[in-house]
N, C-alpha and C. Protein backbone atom coordinates (compact mmCIF):
# COMPACT_ATOMS: atom_id res chain seq x y z
N MET A 1 3.38 -25.16 55.34
CA MET A 1 2.54 -25.30 54.17
C MET A 1 2.28 -23.67 53.61
N SER A 2 2.27 -23.53 52.44
CA SER A 2 2.27 -22.42 51.51
C SER A 2 0.83 -21.55 51.37
N GLY A 3 0.53 -20.45 51.48
CA GLY A 3 -0.54 -19.79 51.37
C GLY A 3 -1.53 -20.37 50.31
N ARG A 4 -0.98 -20.70 49.06
CA ARG A 4 -1.69 -21.52 48.10
C ARG A 4 -2.15 -22.81 48.68
N GLU A 5 -1.31 -23.60 49.18
CA GLU A 5 -1.73 -24.86 49.70
C GLU A 5 -2.92 -24.86 50.51
N ALA A 6 -2.77 -23.87 51.51
CA ALA A 6 -3.86 -23.73 52.46
C ALA A 6 -5.19 -23.19 51.97
N THR A 7 -5.08 -22.35 50.86
CA THR A 7 -6.44 -21.93 50.39
C THR A 7 -6.90 -23.39 49.61
N LEU A 8 -6.41 -24.25 49.21
CA LEU A 8 -6.84 -25.25 48.11
C LEU A 8 -7.31 -26.49 49.03
N SER A 9 -7.13 -26.29 50.64
CA SER A 9 -7.43 -27.49 51.22
C SER A 9 -8.72 -27.70 51.70
N GLY A 10 -9.34 -28.73 52.16
CA GLY A 10 -10.61 -29.01 52.59
C GLY A 10 -11.62 -28.64 51.62
N GLN A 11 -13.10 -28.36 52.16
CA GLN A 11 -14.06 -27.98 51.32
C GLN A 11 -13.83 -26.95 50.16
N ASN A 12 -12.95 -25.91 50.50
CA ASN A 12 -12.75 -24.80 49.68
C ASN A 12 -11.98 -25.55 48.44
N GLY A 13 -10.99 -26.39 48.82
CA GLY A 13 -10.27 -26.99 47.46
C GLY A 13 -11.26 -27.76 46.78
N VAL A 14 -12.00 -28.57 47.31
CA VAL A 14 -12.92 -29.82 46.65
C VAL A 14 -14.00 -28.52 45.70
N THR A 15 -14.45 -27.45 46.15
CA THR A 15 -15.26 -26.63 45.63
C THR A 15 -14.49 -26.12 44.52
N PHE A 16 -13.52 -25.35 44.41
CA PHE A 16 -12.70 -24.70 43.72
C PHE A 16 -12.34 -25.81 42.72
N SER A 17 -11.98 -27.10 42.81
CA SER A 17 -11.42 -27.93 41.82
C SER A 17 -12.45 -28.38 41.00
N ARG A 18 -13.89 -28.47 41.59
CA ARG A 18 -15.03 -28.82 40.79
C ARG A 18 -15.30 -27.61 39.79
N ARG A 19 -15.25 -26.65 40.19
CA ARG A 19 -15.54 -25.52 39.25
C ARG A 19 -14.49 -25.32 38.17
N ILE A 20 -13.33 -25.33 38.45
CA ILE A 20 -12.20 -25.14 37.35
C ILE A 20 -11.88 -26.49 36.45
N ALA A 21 -12.11 -27.36 37.05
CA ALA A 21 -11.67 -28.83 36.33
C ALA A 21 -11.98 -28.75 34.95
N PRO A 22 -13.35 -28.39 34.51
CA PRO A 22 -13.87 -28.70 32.92
C PRO A 22 -13.43 -27.53 32.29
N ARG A 23 -12.99 -26.63 32.66
CA ARG A 23 -12.71 -25.20 31.98
C ARG A 23 -11.52 -25.50 31.02
N PRO A 24 -11.65 -25.35 29.67
CA PRO A 24 -10.63 -25.29 28.68
C PRO A 24 -9.50 -24.26 28.76
N ASP A 25 -10.14 -23.04 29.63
CA ASP A 25 -9.07 -21.96 29.64
C ASP A 25 -8.41 -22.02 31.25
N ALA A 26 -8.46 -23.05 31.84
CA ALA A 26 -8.00 -23.05 33.23
C ALA A 26 -6.52 -23.07 33.16
N PRO A 27 -5.65 -22.39 34.04
CA PRO A 27 -4.41 -22.23 34.12
C PRO A 27 -3.85 -23.73 34.17
N ALA A 28 -3.06 -24.54 33.49
CA ALA A 28 -2.41 -25.95 33.32
C ALA A 28 -1.51 -26.09 34.79
N ASP A 29 -1.17 -24.82 35.20
CA ASP A 29 -0.26 -24.96 36.47
C ASP A 29 -1.21 -25.41 37.80
N VAL A 30 -2.15 -24.48 37.71
CA VAL A 30 -3.01 -24.75 38.77
C VAL A 30 -3.82 -26.06 38.63
N LEU A 31 -4.07 -26.50 37.35
CA LEU A 31 -4.74 -27.79 37.56
C LEU A 31 -3.74 -28.94 37.73
N ARG A 32 -2.47 -28.70 37.64
CA ARG A 32 -1.48 -30.02 37.89
C ARG A 32 -1.51 -29.86 39.53
N THR A 33 -1.29 -28.73 40.08
CA THR A 33 -1.30 -28.53 41.59
C THR A 33 -2.57 -29.26 42.19
N LEU A 34 -3.60 -28.95 41.56
CA LEU A 34 -4.91 -29.72 42.25
C LEU A 34 -5.09 -31.18 42.14
N GLY A 35 -4.54 -31.48 40.80
CA GLY A 35 -4.60 -33.04 40.45
C GLY A 35 -3.58 -33.66 41.29
N ASN A 36 -2.48 -33.09 41.85
CA ASN A 36 -1.64 -33.71 42.86
C ASN A 36 -1.90 -33.68 44.05
N ASP A 37 -2.92 -32.84 44.49
CA ASP A 37 -3.34 -32.91 45.87
C ASP A 37 -3.39 -34.18 46.27
N ASP A 38 -2.90 -34.26 47.72
CA ASP A 38 -2.92 -35.58 48.43
C ASP A 38 -4.41 -35.77 48.70
N ASP A 39 -5.24 -34.86 48.95
CA ASP A 39 -6.58 -35.06 49.28
C ASP A 39 -7.37 -35.27 47.98
N ILE A 40 -7.82 -36.73 47.86
CA ILE A 40 -8.49 -37.02 46.53
C ILE A 40 -9.84 -36.56 46.35
N GLY A 41 -10.45 -35.83 47.28
CA GLY A 41 -11.62 -35.05 47.00
C GLY A 41 -11.28 -33.89 46.01
N VAL A 42 -10.06 -33.44 46.50
CA VAL A 42 -9.66 -32.00 45.70
C VAL A 42 -9.09 -32.58 44.35
N ALA A 43 -8.26 -33.46 44.13
CA ALA A 43 -7.72 -33.81 42.81
C ALA A 43 -8.67 -34.65 42.22
N GLU A 44 -9.71 -35.44 42.62
CA GLU A 44 -10.43 -36.22 41.77
C GLU A 44 -11.35 -35.65 40.28
N PRO A 45 -11.93 -34.22 40.71
CA PRO A 45 -12.63 -33.55 39.78
C PRO A 45 -11.66 -33.19 38.59
N VAL A 46 -10.26 -32.99 39.07
CA VAL A 46 -9.38 -32.56 37.81
C VAL A 46 -8.95 -33.52 37.19
N LEU A 47 -8.79 -34.62 37.84
CA LEU A 47 -8.05 -35.97 37.29
C LEU A 47 -9.15 -36.46 36.20
N LYS A 48 -10.39 -36.37 36.65
CA LYS A 48 -11.64 -36.95 35.59
C LYS A 48 -11.92 -35.96 34.57
N LEU A 49 -11.88 -34.63 34.78
CA LEU A 49 -12.43 -33.66 33.72
C LEU A 49 -11.70 -32.89 33.23
N SER A 50 -10.42 -32.44 33.63
CA SER A 50 -9.62 -31.40 33.05
C SER A 50 -9.02 -32.03 31.49
N PRO A 51 -9.47 -30.97 30.62
CA PRO A 51 -8.87 -31.26 29.21
C PRO A 51 -7.54 -30.55 29.04
N ARG A 52 -7.02 -29.95 30.08
CA ARG A 52 -5.81 -29.13 30.01
C ARG A 52 -4.67 -30.08 30.44
N LEU A 53 -5.06 -31.32 31.36
CA LEU A 53 -3.70 -32.00 31.95
C LEU A 53 -3.35 -32.97 30.51
N ALA A 54 -1.97 -32.85 30.25
CA ALA A 54 -1.35 -33.35 29.56
C ALA A 54 -1.07 -35.12 29.89
N GLU A 55 -0.65 -35.85 28.97
CA GLU A 55 -0.72 -37.15 29.23
C GLU A 55 0.64 -37.29 30.03
N THR A 56 1.86 -36.59 29.71
CA THR A 56 2.79 -36.41 30.92
C THR A 56 2.12 -36.23 32.12
N ASP A 57 1.40 -35.02 32.38
CA ASP A 57 1.02 -34.92 33.66
C ASP A 57 0.26 -35.84 34.27
N LEU A 58 -0.47 -36.73 33.88
CA LEU A 58 -1.29 -37.77 34.26
C LEU A 58 0.03 -38.86 34.57
N VAL A 59 0.77 -39.23 33.50
CA VAL A 59 1.72 -40.18 34.12
C VAL A 59 2.28 -39.88 35.42
N ASN A 60 2.79 -38.59 35.67
CA ASN A 60 3.65 -38.00 36.59
C ASN A 60 2.77 -38.22 38.01
N ILE A 61 1.38 -38.02 37.72
CA ILE A 61 0.67 -38.00 38.97
C ILE A 61 0.53 -39.42 39.47
N VAL A 62 0.14 -40.30 38.43
CA VAL A 62 0.03 -41.84 38.85
C VAL A 62 1.48 -42.12 39.47
N SER A 63 2.40 -41.91 38.93
CA SER A 63 3.72 -42.36 39.68
C SER A 63 4.04 -41.53 40.98
N ALA A 64 3.48 -40.79 41.49
CA ALA A 64 3.53 -39.84 42.78
C ALA A 64 2.36 -40.50 43.62
N LYS A 65 1.23 -40.75 43.13
CA LYS A 65 0.21 -40.69 44.04
C LYS A 65 -0.50 -42.43 44.22
N GLY A 66 -1.43 -42.30 45.08
CA GLY A 66 -1.89 -43.58 45.18
C GLY A 66 -3.02 -44.12 44.21
N GLN A 67 -3.87 -45.40 44.73
CA GLN A 67 -4.68 -45.79 43.92
C GLN A 67 -6.07 -44.94 43.62
N GLY A 68 -6.23 -44.20 44.72
CA GLY A 68 -7.21 -43.20 44.20
C GLY A 68 -7.07 -42.16 43.11
N HIS A 69 -5.86 -41.64 43.15
CA HIS A 69 -5.49 -41.01 42.04
C HIS A 69 -5.78 -41.84 40.58
N LEU A 70 -5.13 -42.90 40.80
CA LEU A 70 -5.00 -43.87 39.58
C LEU A 70 -6.79 -44.09 39.09
N ARG A 71 -7.48 -44.49 39.95
CA ARG A 71 -8.83 -44.74 39.64
C ARG A 71 -9.48 -43.49 39.14
N ALA A 72 -9.21 -42.24 39.52
CA ALA A 72 -9.99 -41.01 38.77
C ALA A 72 -9.28 -40.92 37.51
N ILE A 73 -8.21 -41.05 37.22
CA ILE A 73 -7.57 -40.92 36.09
C ILE A 73 -8.28 -42.01 34.99
N SER A 74 -8.28 -43.15 35.36
CA SER A 74 -9.04 -44.25 34.71
C SER A 74 -10.32 -43.97 34.46
N GLU A 75 -11.25 -43.00 34.97
CA GLU A 75 -12.42 -42.82 34.87
C GLU A 75 -12.67 -41.41 33.77
N ARG A 76 -11.43 -41.04 33.41
CA ARG A 76 -11.66 -40.08 32.43
C ARG A 76 -12.09 -40.51 30.72
N SER A 77 -12.88 -39.53 30.32
CA SER A 77 -13.73 -39.99 29.10
C SER A 77 -12.47 -40.25 28.08
N GLU A 78 -11.55 -39.58 28.17
CA GLU A 78 -10.48 -39.60 27.09
C GLU A 78 -9.04 -39.62 27.88
N LEU A 79 -7.99 -40.49 27.48
CA LEU A 79 -6.79 -40.55 27.79
C LEU A 79 -5.93 -40.10 27.00
N GLY A 80 -4.93 -39.06 27.44
CA GLY A 80 -4.07 -38.52 26.68
C GLY A 80 -4.59 -38.02 25.34
């Protein structure tokens, strides 16, 4: 596990994800990393709220992850 992954796990990851998800200036690569996290608690805020994830990002995440990630994406106010 890399240092970045370690810092994004658990409650710290959830807290960070909730704070960064709605920011229009958040780095897209960080948002993709959070959105792809196996822990749905970390991924969910980004998948639901981030205006920076592109439609291709969302499709890639759905293809790679499970139902929890799909449900979170389906709850976005805007798709693509």
